[in-house]
N, C-alpha and C. Protein backbone atom coordinates (compact mmCIF):
# COMPACT_ATOMS: atom_id res chain seq x y z
N MET A 1 -7.11 -13.90 -0.58
CA MET A 1 -7.03 -13.32 -1.81
C MET A 1 -5.43 -12.38 -1.50
N ILE A 2 -5.74 -11.53 -0.88
CA ILE A 2 -4.42 -10.50 -0.41
C ILE A 2 -3.05 -10.99 -0.17
N LYS A 3 -3.58 -12.35 0.80
CA LYS A 3 -2.13 -13.23 1.59
C LYS A 3 -2.19 -13.96 -0.04
N GLU A 4 -2.97 -14.76 -0.68
CA GLU A 4 -2.25 -15.25 -1.90
C GLU A 4 -1.64 -14.45 -2.93
N ARG A 5 -1.98 -13.35 -2.85
CA ARG A 5 -1.13 -12.42 -4.14
C ARG A 5 0.64 -12.09 -3.26
N GLU A 6 0.19 -11.78 -1.94
CA GLU A 6 1.54 -11.48 -1.09
C GLU A 6 2.27 -12.42 -1.06
N LYS A 7 2.30 -13.56 -1.35
CA LYS A 7 2.97 -14.87 -0.86
C LYS A 7 3.62 -14.78 -2.75
N LYS A 8 2.42 -15.21 -3.85
CA LYS A 8 3.18 -14.61 -5.22
C LYS A 8 4.48 -13.54 -5.08
N VAL A 9 3.96 -12.66 -4.65
CA VAL A 9 5.28 -11.64 -4.75
C VAL A 9 6.37 -12.00 -3.98
N HIS A 10 6.27 -12.89 -3.16
CA HIS A 10 7.44 -12.96 -2.11
C HIS A 10 8.23 -14.40 -3.08
N LEU A 11 7.73 -15.20 -3.73
CA LEU A 11 7.96 -15.89 -4.20
C LEU A 11 8.97 -15.50 -5.80
N LEU A 12 8.39 -14.95 -6.20
CA LEU A 12 8.73 -13.71 -7.18
C LEU A 12 9.94 -13.13 -6.94
N LYS A 13 10.15 -12.55 -5.91
CA LYS A 13 11.50 -11.65 -5.72
C LYS A 13 12.30 -12.69 -5.20
N VAL A 14 12.03 -13.87 -4.30
CA VAL A 14 13.01 -15.16 -4.09
C VAL A 14 13.68 -15.55 -5.42
N GLU A 15 12.80 -15.77 -6.29
CA GLU A 15 13.56 -16.86 -7.52
C GLU A 15 14.21 -15.53 -8.11
N LEU A 16 13.94 -14.34 -7.82
CA LEU A 16 14.51 -13.31 -8.60
C LEU A 16 16.18 -13.30 -8.14
N PHE A 17 16.12 -13.37 -7.01
CA PHE A 17 17.57 -13.02 -6.11
C PHE A 17 17.99 -14.01 -6.77
N CYS A 18 17.49 -15.46 -6.55
CA CYS A 18 18.22 -16.79 -6.96
C CYS A 18 18.95 -16.44 -8.20
N GLU A 19 18.25 -16.29 -8.66
CA GLU A 19 18.61 -16.49 -10.74
C GLU A 19 19.66 -15.15 -10.68
N ALA A 20 19.78 -14.16 -9.79
CA ALA A 20 21.00 -13.11 -10.10
C ALA A 20 21.96 -13.59 -9.37
N ALA A 21 21.96 -14.46 -8.50
CA ALA A 21 22.99 -14.79 -7.37
C ALA A 21 23.49 -15.88 -7.98
N LEU A 22 22.99 -16.73 -8.95
CA LEU A 22 23.36 -17.91 -10.06
C LEU A 22 24.21 -17.31 -10.73
N LYS A 23 23.81 -16.07 -11.53
CA LYS A 23 24.65 -15.55 -12.47
C LYS A 23 25.79 -14.76 -12.12
N ASN A 24 25.53 -14.27 -10.91
CA ASN A 24 26.84 -13.59 -10.52
C ASN A 24 27.91 -14.80 -9.91
N PHE A 25 27.61 -15.77 -9.64
CA PHE A 25 28.50 -16.88 -9.36
C PHE A 25 29.14 -17.50 -10.59
N ILE A 26 28.03 -17.68 -11.35
CA ILE A 26 28.65 -18.56 -12.71
C ILE A 26 29.90 -17.43 -13.43
N GLY A 27 29.25 -16.24 -13.10
CA GLY A 27 30.29 -15.23 -14.07
C GLY A 27 31.54 -14.90 -13.35
N GLY A 28 31.23 -15.67 -12.13
CA GLY A 28 32.69 -15.38 -11.02
C GLY A 28 32.66 -14.00 -10.22
N PHE A 29 33.84 -13.76 -9.47
CA PHE A 29 33.85 -12.61 -8.86
C PHE A 29 34.56 -11.16 -9.47
N GLY A 30 33.51 -10.36 -10.10
CA GLY A 30 33.52 -9.05 -10.79
C GLY A 30 33.88 -8.25 -10.25
N LEU A 31 34.11 -7.02 -10.91
CA LEU A 31 34.34 -5.63 -9.48
C LEU A 31 33.20 -4.84 -8.83
N ASP A 32 33.01 -4.50 -8.08
CA ASP A 32 31.98 -3.93 -7.03
C ASP A 32 31.53 -3.31 -8.12
N TRP A 33 30.01 -2.78 -7.92
CA TRP A 33 29.55 -2.12 -8.92
C TRP A 33 30.28 -0.52 -8.95
N LEU A 34 30.55 0.03 -7.93
CA LEU A 34 31.11 1.40 -7.65
C LEU A 34 32.81 1.57 -8.29
N ASP A 35 33.04 0.33 -8.42
CA ASP A 35 34.55 0.25 -9.13
C ASP A 35 34.23 0.28 -10.39
N GLU A 36 33.25 -0.11 -11.15
CA GLU A 36 33.04 0.15 -12.55
C GLU A 36 32.68 1.35 -12.83
N VAL A 37 31.95 1.50 -12.31
CA VAL A 37 31.63 3.61 -12.40
C VAL A 37 32.66 4.05 -12.11
N LYS A 38 33.48 4.21 -11.40
CA LYS A 38 34.81 4.81 -11.36
C LYS A 38 35.78 4.95 -12.33
N ALA A 39 35.58 3.33 -12.81
CA ALA A 39 36.55 3.05 -14.10
C ALA A 39 35.92 3.66 -15.34
N LYS A 40 34.86 4.12 -15.40
CA LYS A 40 34.29 4.88 -16.52
C LYS A 40 34.33 6.15 -16.04
N ILE A 41 34.22 6.65 -15.16
CA ILE A 41 34.70 8.01 -15.10
C ILE A 41 35.93 8.18 -15.21
N LYS A 42 37.02 7.59 -14.86
CA LYS A 42 38.31 7.80 -15.08
C LYS A 42 38.64 7.56 -16.88
N ARG A 43 37.62 6.95 -17.49
CA ARG A 43 37.60 7.08 -18.95
C ARG A 43 37.15 8.03 -19.49
N LYS A 44 36.17 9.10 -18.49
CA LYS A 44 35.75 10.11 -18.97
C LYS A 44 34.20 9.74 -20.26
N ASN A 45 33.64 8.21 -19.80
CA ASN A 45 32.51 8.32 -20.11
C ASN A 45 31.38 8.95 -19.50
N LYS A 46 30.56 9.49 -20.23
CA LYS A 46 29.32 10.50 -19.77
C LYS A 46 28.04 9.46 -19.26
N ILE A 47 27.63 8.44 -19.50
CA ILE A 47 26.77 7.44 -19.00
C ILE A 47 27.85 6.90 -18.20
N LEU A 48 27.11 6.05 -16.80
CA LEU A 48 28.00 5.83 -15.79
C LEU A 48 27.44 4.48 -15.64
N PHE A 49 26.41 3.73 -16.08
CA PHE A 49 25.94 2.56 -16.58
C PHE A 49 25.63 2.42 -17.55
N SER A 50 25.01 0.75 -17.95
CA SER A 50 25.09 0.52 -18.99
C SER A 50 23.78 -0.47 -19.35
N LYS A 51 23.11 -0.80 -20.23
CA LYS A 51 22.29 -2.64 -20.41
C LYS A 51 23.23 -3.52 -20.18
N ASP A 52 24.42 -3.64 -20.14
CA ASP A 52 25.28 -4.73 -19.81
C ASP A 52 25.75 -4.50 -18.49
N SER A 53 25.48 -3.72 -17.50
CA SER A 53 26.38 -3.51 -16.40
C SER A 53 25.53 -4.56 -15.22
N GLU A 54 26.55 -5.58 -14.84
CA GLU A 54 26.18 -6.38 -13.85
C GLU A 54 25.55 -6.05 -12.76
N TYR A 55 25.74 -5.08 -12.36
CA TYR A 55 24.58 -4.50 -11.28
C TYR A 55 23.13 -4.06 -11.71
N LEU A 56 22.82 -3.85 -12.97
CA LEU A 56 21.52 -3.83 -13.00
C LEU A 56 21.27 -5.01 -13.69
N SER A 57 21.63 -6.27 -13.42
CA SER A 57 21.26 -7.36 -14.37
C SER A 57 19.88 -7.96 -14.02
N ASP A 58 20.05 -7.77 -12.27
CA ASP A 58 18.93 -8.41 -11.81
C ASP A 58 17.35 -7.74 -12.36
N LEU A 59 17.37 -6.10 -12.30
CA LEU A 59 16.82 -5.55 -12.75
C LEU A 59 16.51 -5.83 -14.01
N ALA A 60 16.81 -5.70 -14.93
CA ALA A 60 17.06 -6.33 -16.10
C ALA A 60 16.36 -7.36 -16.71
N LEU A 61 16.59 -8.81 -16.17
CA LEU A 61 15.69 -9.96 -15.69
C LEU A 61 14.39 -9.89 -15.34
N LEU A 62 14.23 -8.84 -14.53
CA LEU A 62 12.92 -8.67 -13.76
C LEU A 62 12.12 -7.69 -14.82
N LEU A 63 12.68 -6.64 -15.17
CA LEU A 63 11.52 -5.72 -16.41
C LEU A 63 11.44 -6.74 -17.47
N GLY A 64 12.32 -7.75 -17.92
CA GLY A 64 12.07 -8.43 -19.35
C GLY A 64 10.94 -9.57 -19.01
N GLU A 65 10.74 -9.77 -17.78
CA GLU A 65 9.56 -10.99 -17.47
C GLU A 65 8.04 -10.01 -17.42
N GLN A 66 7.79 -8.96 -17.63
CA GLN A 66 6.68 -8.27 -17.20
C GLN A 66 6.25 -7.63 -18.78
N ASN A 67 4.87 -7.36 -18.57
CA ASN A 67 4.18 -7.49 -19.77
C ASN A 67 4.38 -5.68 -19.87
N HIS A 68 3.82 -5.31 -20.79
CA HIS A 68 4.04 -3.79 -21.67
C HIS A 68 3.51 -3.03 -20.89
N ARG A 69 2.46 -3.13 -20.62
CA ARG A 69 1.30 -2.40 -19.83
C ARG A 69 2.09 -1.98 -18.39
N THR A 70 2.39 -3.24 -17.65
CA THR A 70 3.56 -3.23 -16.39
C THR A 70 4.50 -2.38 -16.60
N ALA A 71 5.03 -2.20 -17.35
CA ALA A 71 6.66 -1.91 -17.99
C ALA A 71 6.12 -0.49 -17.80
N VAL A 72 5.44 0.38 -18.78
CA VAL A 72 4.91 1.63 -19.30
C VAL A 72 4.15 1.89 -17.60
N LEU A 73 3.29 1.50 -17.08
CA LEU A 73 3.02 2.50 -15.66
C LEU A 73 4.33 2.02 -14.87
N TRP A 74 5.10 1.50 -14.82
CA TRP A 74 6.15 1.45 -13.67
C TRP A 74 7.21 2.67 -14.44
N ALA A 75 7.46 3.05 -15.99
CA ALA A 75 8.48 3.85 -16.36
C ALA A 75 7.69 5.47 -16.29
N LEU A 76 6.31 5.30 -16.16
CA LEU A 76 5.69 6.95 -16.24
C LEU A 76 5.69 6.93 -14.72
N ASP A 77 5.57 6.46 -13.51
CA ASP A 77 5.28 6.69 -12.16
C ASP A 77 6.71 7.28 -11.92
N LEU A 78 7.77 6.51 -12.19
CA LEU A 78 9.24 6.77 -11.85
C LEU A 78 9.84 8.07 -12.63
N GLY A 79 9.13 8.02 -14.12
CA GLY A 79 9.88 9.14 -14.81
C GLY A 79 8.96 10.14 -14.32
N SER A 80 7.68 10.44 -14.22
CA SER A 80 7.18 11.44 -13.60
C SER A 80 7.66 12.39 -12.15
N LYS A 81 8.22 11.42 -11.45
CA LYS A 81 9.12 11.99 -10.42
C LYS A 81 10.24 12.81 -10.74
N THR A 82 10.85 12.12 -11.65
CA THR A 82 12.03 12.78 -12.10
C THR A 82 11.69 14.29 -13.05
N ALA A 83 10.98 14.14 -13.55
CA ALA A 83 9.95 15.07 -14.35
C ALA A 83 9.79 16.48 -13.31
N GLU A 84 9.35 16.17 -12.28
CA GLU A 84 8.87 17.22 -11.20
C GLU A 84 10.62 17.37 -10.56
N LYS A 85 11.11 16.80 -10.54
CA LYS A 85 12.46 17.32 -10.19
C LYS A 85 13.24 17.66 -10.94
N LEU A 86 12.90 18.04 -12.14
CA LEU A 86 13.94 18.95 -12.98
C LEU A 86 12.74 19.90 -13.04
N GLU A 87 11.56 20.04 -13.16
CA GLU A 87 10.97 21.55 -13.05
C GLU A 87 11.13 22.03 -11.69
N ALA A 88 11.63 21.85 -10.80
CA ALA A 88 11.55 22.29 -9.39
C ALA A 88 12.55 22.98 -9.39
N LYS A 89 14.25 22.40 -10.23
CA LYS A 89 15.41 23.02 -10.31
C LYS A 89 15.22 24.13 -11.58
N TYR A 90 14.64 24.06 -12.64
CA TYR A 90 14.27 24.99 -13.81
C TYR A 90 12.63 25.67 -13.67
N PRO A 91 12.04 26.28 -12.87
CA PRO A 91 11.05 26.77 -12.59
C PRO A 91 10.22 27.35 -14.16
N GLY A 92 9.14 26.54 -14.50
CA GLY A 92 8.74 27.17 -16.06
C GLY A 92 9.08 26.50 -17.21
N GLU A 93 9.75 25.42 -16.94
CA GLU A 93 10.57 24.38 -17.71
C GLU A 93 9.38 22.95 -17.78
N LYS A 94 8.30 22.90 -19.18
CA LYS A 94 7.85 22.38 -18.86
C LYS A 94 7.73 20.88 -19.66
N ARG A 95 8.80 20.81 -20.38
CA ARG A 95 9.19 19.81 -21.86
C ARG A 95 9.49 18.14 -21.03
N PRO A 96 9.79 18.37 -19.72
CA PRO A 96 9.85 16.79 -19.19
C PRO A 96 8.70 16.46 -18.78
N LYS A 97 8.24 16.79 -18.31
CA LYS A 97 6.59 16.54 -17.64
C LYS A 97 5.67 16.55 -18.76
N GLU A 98 5.62 17.01 -19.82
CA GLU A 98 5.09 17.39 -21.22
C GLU A 98 5.38 16.03 -21.66
N ALA A 99 6.47 15.45 -21.84
CA ALA A 99 6.62 14.34 -22.17
C ALA A 99 6.06 13.13 -21.99
N ILE A 100 6.16 13.31 -20.50
CA ILE A 100 5.79 12.12 -19.50
C ILE A 100 4.02 12.09 -19.74
N GLU A 101 3.62 13.36 -20.01
CA GLU A 101 1.79 13.68 -20.18
C GLU A 101 1.52 13.33 -21.44
N ALA A 102 2.38 13.25 -22.52
CA ALA A 102 2.17 12.65 -23.69
C ALA A 102 2.40 11.04 -24.01
N ALA A 103 2.90 10.54 -23.15
CA ALA A 103 3.59 9.00 -23.34
C ALA A 103 1.81 8.44 -22.48
N LYS A 104 1.87 8.94 -21.50
CA LYS A 104 0.44 8.22 -20.76
C LYS A 104 -0.48 8.68 -21.64
N LEU A 105 -0.93 9.88 -22.63
CA LEU A 105 -2.02 9.91 -23.54
C LEU A 105 -1.90 8.81 -24.62
N TRP A 106 -0.65 8.97 -25.14
CA TRP A 106 -0.39 8.04 -26.02
C TRP A 106 -0.88 6.33 -25.78
N ALA A 107 -0.10 6.26 -24.62
CA ALA A 107 -0.54 4.52 -24.06
C ALA A 107 -2.18 4.20 -24.12
N PHE A 108 -2.78 5.52 -24.03
CA PHE A 108 -4.14 5.15 -23.73
C PHE A 108 -4.90 5.66 -24.93
N GLY A 109 -4.38 5.82 -25.84
CA GLY A 109 -4.79 5.97 -27.09
C GLY A 109 -5.39 7.28 -27.32
N LYS A 110 -5.20 8.34 -26.68
CA LYS A 110 -5.41 10.04 -27.04
C LYS A 110 -5.08 10.53 -27.62
N ILE A 111 -4.17 10.20 -28.17
CA ILE A 111 -3.12 10.94 -29.06
C ILE A 111 -1.94 9.67 -30.17
N LYS A 112 -1.86 10.29 -31.09
CA LYS A 112 -1.01 9.30 -31.74
C LYS A 112 0.77 9.55 -31.27
N MET A 113 1.28 8.54 -32.17
CA MET A 113 2.73 8.26 -31.86
C MET A 113 3.63 9.81 -32.56
N PRO A 114 3.24 10.48 -33.48
CA PRO A 114 3.81 11.60 -33.77
C PRO A 114 3.97 12.57 -32.66
N ALA A 115 2.79 13.12 -32.36
CA ALA A 115 2.55 13.95 -31.19
C ALA A 115 3.19 14.02 -29.86
N ALA A 116 3.45 12.09 -29.70
CA ALA A 116 4.48 11.86 -28.38
C ALA A 116 5.55 11.84 -28.73
N ARG A 117 6.35 11.40 -29.97
CA ARG A 117 7.34 11.46 -30.22
C ARG A 117 7.62 12.70 -30.22
N ARG A 118 7.61 13.60 -30.68
CA ARG A 118 7.90 15.38 -30.46
C ARG A 118 7.92 15.79 -29.25
N ALA A 119 6.88 15.36 -28.18
CA ALA A 119 7.27 15.61 -26.74
C ALA A 119 8.45 15.14 -26.03
N ILE A 120 8.45 13.90 -26.51
CA ILE A 120 9.89 12.83 -26.05
C ILE A 120 11.18 13.82 -26.40
N LEU A 121 11.09 14.03 -27.96
CA LEU A 121 12.50 14.55 -28.51
C LEU A 121 12.71 16.20 -27.90
N ASP A 122 11.55 16.46 -27.88
CA ASP A 122 12.08 17.73 -26.90
C ASP A 122 12.57 17.77 -25.62
N CYS A 123 12.43 16.95 -25.16
CA CYS A 123 12.49 16.63 -23.97
C CYS A 123 14.04 16.43 -23.95
N HIS A 124 14.61 15.39 -24.61
CA HIS A 124 15.87 14.99 -25.14
C HIS A 124 16.36 16.38 -25.66
N ALA A 125 15.96 17.58 -26.34
CA ALA A 125 16.55 18.59 -26.88
C ALA A 125 16.67 19.57 -25.77
N PHE A 126 15.81 19.20 -24.51
CA PHE A 126 15.86 20.31 -23.64
C PHE A 126 17.78 19.89 -22.58
N ALA A 127 17.54 18.45 -22.74
CA ALA A 127 19.12 18.39 -22.37
C ALA A 127 20.33 18.97 -23.08
N LYS A 128 20.17 19.16 -24.53
CA LYS A 128 21.40 20.12 -25.09
C LYS A 128 21.57 21.29 -24.65
N GLU A 129 20.45 22.08 -23.69
CA GLU A 129 20.75 23.27 -23.49
C GLU A 129 21.39 23.16 -22.17
N LEU A 130 21.37 22.12 -21.27
CA LEU A 130 21.85 22.30 -20.23
C LEU A 130 23.51 21.91 -19.97
N SER A 131 24.32 22.28 -18.95
CA SER A 131 25.46 22.35 -18.57
C SER A 131 25.91 21.27 -17.59
N SER A 132 25.04 21.41 -16.92
CA SER A 132 24.78 20.07 -15.89
C SER A 132 24.96 18.82 -15.94
N PRO A 133 26.26 18.23 -15.95
CA PRO A 133 25.86 16.41 -16.10
C PRO A 133 24.70 15.64 -15.64
N GLU A 134 24.62 16.27 -14.33
CA GLU A 134 23.27 15.47 -13.60
C GLU A 134 22.33 15.70 -14.01
N ASP A 135 21.88 16.78 -14.18
CA ASP A 135 20.52 17.38 -15.19
C ASP A 135 20.56 17.15 -16.76
N ILE A 136 21.20 16.63 -17.12
CA ILE A 136 21.69 16.16 -18.83
C ILE A 136 20.82 14.83 -18.51
N ALA A 137 21.55 13.68 -17.69
CA ALA A 137 21.12 12.92 -17.53
C ALA A 137 19.59 12.70 -16.98
N LEU A 138 19.20 13.26 -16.17
CA LEU A 138 17.90 13.56 -15.47
C LEU A 138 16.78 13.73 -16.93
N CYS A 139 17.12 14.57 -18.07
CA CYS A 139 16.36 14.85 -18.74
C CYS A 139 16.20 13.99 -19.60
N HIS A 140 17.41 13.07 -20.38
CA HIS A 140 17.36 11.63 -20.68
C HIS A 140 16.66 10.35 -19.72
N ALA A 141 16.97 10.20 -18.90
CA ALA A 141 16.01 9.24 -17.88
C ALA A 141 14.31 9.35 -18.31
N VAL A 142 14.01 10.75 -18.38
CA VAL A 142 12.77 11.20 -18.72
C VAL A 142 12.45 11.02 -20.13
N GLY A 143 13.15 10.93 -20.81
CA GLY A 143 12.77 10.64 -22.33
C GLY A 143 12.73 9.41 -22.31
N GLN A 144 13.69 8.37 -21.55
CA GLN A 144 13.60 7.26 -21.58
C GLN A 144 12.28 6.20 -21.16
N ALA A 145 12.58 7.13 -20.07
CA ALA A 145 10.94 6.40 -19.16
C ALA A 145 9.48 7.08 -20.21
N ALA A 146 9.60 7.86 -21.03
CA ALA A 146 8.37 8.20 -21.87
C ALA A 146 8.26 7.25 -22.94
N SER A 147 9.69 7.09 -23.69
CA SER A 147 9.40 5.97 -24.52
C SER A 147 9.40 4.56 -24.59
N VAL A 148 9.29 4.21 -23.44
CA VAL A 148 8.58 2.55 -22.90
C VAL A 148 7.22 2.36 -23.61
N VAL A 149 6.45 3.43 -23.78
CA VAL A 149 5.51 3.14 -24.66
C VAL A 149 5.44 2.40 -25.52
N HIS A 150 6.52 3.25 -26.27
CA HIS A 150 6.65 2.25 -27.96
C HIS A 150 7.84 0.91 -27.84
N THR A 151 8.32 1.11 -26.85
CA THR A 151 8.42 -0.70 -26.84
C THR A 151 9.42 -0.64 -25.32
N GLU A 152 9.13 -1.82 -24.63
CA GLU A 152 9.57 -1.80 -23.38
C GLU A 152 11.23 -2.02 -23.67
N GLY A 153 11.88 -2.04 -24.65
CA GLY A 153 13.29 -2.11 -24.06
C GLY A 153 13.94 -0.83 -23.93
N HIS A 154 13.04 0.30 -23.64
CA HIS A 154 13.68 1.42 -23.26
C HIS A 154 13.91 1.56 -21.63
N ALA A 155 12.78 0.52 -21.12
CA ALA A 155 12.76 0.74 -19.64
C ALA A 155 14.12 0.52 -18.82
N LEU A 156 14.86 0.24 -19.27
CA LEU A 156 16.10 -0.08 -18.39
C LEU A 156 17.03 1.48 -18.42
N GLY A 157 16.87 2.30 -19.70
CA GLY A 157 17.10 2.95 -19.88
C GLY A 157 17.04 4.49 -18.52
N LEU A 158 16.20 4.14 -18.06
CA LEU A 158 15.38 5.37 -16.99
C LEU A 158 16.32 4.67 -15.95
N PRO A 159 16.84 3.73 -15.07
CA PRO A 159 17.74 3.57 -14.36
C PRO A 159 19.10 3.75 -14.64
N ILE A 160 19.50 3.94 -15.71
CA ILE A 160 21.20 3.88 -16.63
C ILE A 160 21.33 5.80 -16.43
N TYR A 161 20.40 6.17 -16.85
CA TYR A 161 20.28 7.78 -16.93
C TYR A 161 20.07 8.28 -15.33
N GLU A 162 19.18 7.69 -14.80
CA GLU A 162 19.02 8.42 -13.41
C GLU A 162 19.79 7.92 -12.21
N LEU A 163 20.56 6.95 -12.48
CA LEU A 163 21.80 6.78 -11.46
C LEU A 163 22.96 7.20 -11.92
N THR A 164 23.17 7.72 -12.94
CA THR A 164 24.24 8.27 -13.39
C THR A 164 24.39 9.49 -12.96
N SER A 165 22.91 10.34 -13.08
CA SER A 165 22.32 11.86 -12.67
C SER A 165 23.11 11.46 -11.07
N LEU A 166 22.73 10.24 -10.04
CA LEU A 166 22.91 10.59 -9.14
C LEU A 166 24.11 10.58 -8.60
N VAL A 167 25.31 9.91 -9.40
CA VAL A 167 26.57 9.54 -9.42
C VAL A 167 27.24 11.33 -9.26
N TYR A 168 26.54 11.91 -10.59
CA TYR A 168 27.27 13.14 -10.45
C TYR A 168 26.90 14.11 -9.71
N GLU A 169 25.52 13.82 -9.25
CA GLU A 169 24.98 15.08 -7.93
C GLU A 169 26.14 14.85 -6.73
N LEU A 170 26.14 13.41 -6.14
CA LEU A 170 26.54 13.10 -5.03
C LEU A 170 28.06 13.23 -5.05
N GLY A 171 28.72 12.39 -5.82
CA GLY A 171 30.03 12.16 -6.28
C GLY A 171 30.42 10.53 -5.92
N ALA A 172 31.19 10.17 -6.79
CA ALA A 172 31.42 8.72 -6.84
C ALA A 172 31.76 8.00 -5.11
N GLU A 173 32.54 8.88 -4.84
CA GLU A 173 32.77 8.70 -2.72
C GLU A 173 31.37 8.55 -1.80
N ASN A 174 30.52 9.13 -2.56
CA ASN A 174 29.52 9.52 -1.70
C ASN A 174 28.03 9.05 -1.93
N CYS A 175 28.04 8.20 -3.10
CA CYS A 175 26.63 7.90 -3.55
C CYS A 175 26.15 6.48 -3.40
N ARG A 176 27.12 5.91 -3.17
CA ARG A 176 26.73 4.56 -2.87
C ARG A 176 25.74 4.15 -2.24
N GLU A 177 24.98 4.68 -1.11
CA GLU A 177 23.51 4.45 -0.18
C GLU A 177 22.41 4.94 -1.13
N ALA A 178 23.04 5.87 -1.83
CA ALA A 178 21.50 6.38 -2.48
C ALA A 178 21.33 5.87 -3.68
N VAL A 179 22.33 5.28 -4.45
CA VAL A 179 22.48 4.53 -5.76
C VAL A 179 21.52 3.23 -5.30
N GLU A 180 22.25 2.43 -4.11
CA GLU A 180 21.35 0.99 -3.71
C GLU A 180 20.20 1.00 -3.49
N LYS A 181 19.56 2.55 -3.11
CA LYS A 181 17.99 2.62 -2.08
C LYS A 181 17.66 2.89 -3.45
N LYS A 182 17.91 3.81 -4.62
CA LYS A 182 17.37 4.11 -6.12
C LYS A 182 17.04 2.58 -6.85
N LYS A 183 17.87 1.43 -6.61
CA LYS A 183 17.59 0.70 -7.28
C LYS A 183 16.66 -0.28 -6.61
N ALA A 184 16.62 -0.51 -5.31
CA ALA A 184 16.02 -0.69 -4.64
C ALA A 184 14.47 -0.65 -4.96
N GLU A 185 14.23 0.86 -4.72
CA GLU A 185 12.86 1.42 -5.16
C GLU A 185 12.28 0.99 -6.51
N TYR A 186 13.41 1.01 -7.47
CA TYR A 186 13.19 0.24 -8.75
C TYR A 186 12.24 -1.03 -9.14
N ILE A 187 13.41 -1.87 -7.98
CA ILE A 187 12.72 -3.57 -8.12
C ILE A 187 11.06 -3.22 -7.48
N ASP A 188 11.17 -2.64 -6.25
CA ASP A 188 9.25 -2.71 -5.16
C ASP A 188 8.55 -2.44 -6.23
N LYS A 189 8.89 -1.12 -7.01
CA LYS A 189 8.10 -0.50 -8.01
C LYS A 189 7.40 -1.21 -8.86
N VAL A 190 8.37 -2.28 -9.41
CA VAL A 190 8.04 -3.13 -10.27
C VAL A 190 6.74 -4.06 -9.73
N PHE A 191 7.26 -4.72 -8.64
CA PHE A 191 6.35 -5.52 -7.88
C PHE A 191 4.98 -5.06 -7.66
N TYR A 192 5.21 -3.32 -7.20
CA TYR A 192 3.66 -2.97 -7.01
C TYR A 192 2.97 -2.92 -8.29
N TRP A 193 3.46 -2.56 -9.43
CA TRP A 193 2.86 -2.28 -10.62
C TRP A 193 2.20 -3.34 -11.63
N LYS A 194 3.15 -4.55 -11.29
CA LYS A 194 2.77 -5.84 -11.50
C LYS A 194 1.50 -6.37 -11.11
N GLU A 195 1.42 -6.33 -9.82
CA GLU A 195 0.17 -6.30 -8.85
C GLU A 195 -1.15 -5.51 -9.39
N ARG A 196 -0.78 -4.64 -10.03
CA ARG A 196 -2.00 -3.06 -10.03
C ARG A 196 -2.53 -3.21 -11.93
N SER A 197 -1.25 -3.79 -12.83
CA SER A 197 -1.49 -3.33 -14.23
C SER A 197 -2.66 -3.70 -14.62
N GLU A 198 -3.28 -4.93 -14.24
CA GLU A 198 -4.84 -5.59 -14.92
C GLU A 198 -5.97 -4.62 -14.70
N SER A 199 -5.96 -3.88 -13.04
CA SER A 199 -6.98 -2.92 -13.16
C SER A 199 -7.30 -2.02 -14.08
N TYR A 200 -6.37 -1.58 -14.72
CA TYR A 200 -6.38 -0.42 -15.82
C TYR A 200 -7.33 -0.73 -16.78
N ASP A 201 -7.44 -0.10 -17.36
CA ASP A 201 -8.21 -0.28 -18.78
C ASP A 201 -7.94 1.02 -20.09
N GLY A 202 -9.23 0.78 -20.78
CA GLY A 202 -8.76 2.13 -21.72
C GLY A 202 -7.49 2.35 -22.31
N TRP A 203 -6.75 1.41 -22.38
CA TRP A 203 -5.45 1.40 -23.35
C TRP A 203 -5.33 1.24 -24.41
N ALA A 204 -4.57 1.99 -25.36
CA ALA A 204 -4.37 1.85 -26.73
C ALA A 204 -4.17 0.38 -27.05
N GLY A 205 -5.18 0.24 -28.36
CA GLY A 205 -4.84 -1.62 -28.92
C GLY A 205 -3.69 -1.60 -29.25
N PHE A 206 -2.38 -1.02 -29.62
CA PHE A 206 -0.99 -1.63 -29.55
C PHE A 206 -0.95 -2.23 -28.45
N MET A 207 -1.07 -1.81 -27.13
CA MET A 207 -0.82 -1.58 -26.06
C MET A 207 -1.28 -3.25 -25.23
N LEU A 208 -2.10 -3.67 -25.62
CA LEU A 208 -2.77 -5.25 -25.39
C LEU A 208 -2.46 -6.13 -26.35
N LYS A 209 -1.57 -5.87 -27.09
CA LYS A 209 -0.97 -6.92 -27.96
C LYS A 209 0.15 -7.55 -27.14
């Protein structure tokens, strides 16, 4: 049974790679993703990736194939780690962590949307109090992760902001390895939660639609 699941995961990864490669071939030879990031920095863009970034197209494709529950588990797992990073940098600041916790309670029907929405907005508000571009981006990454409970459309927001933060932290000349490692982690985590999402119960009714 385990070997059969592993075989299915492997086939999904191969399919994902082939679809992304075909898309890149049809689109021609574009800029390296880092060249695109550098161009955005030169234009003084604050957000260095987007939903239209070719670099994130394979991740966007994979996320688009998941059900809402898988997307939420994926986002809350990654978002909680980002919230912990912020809390370590700003001891006593609980808003990012509270946004993730509220989103989890919302997904499992323990609180209603207004309470969760308030916590998520508070996390975004924290970003406005900061001066560090990398930490501002991390706050928004957490807010986007928590918002996946509302709609899967927010899922790509987490990598958009978190990868932006990595570039700010390490600099455009030194970020390639870290960004590519982080992206690989995003993809691996999708497959991890895809295999486990059905073992969770107690979801709020809207999460089962």
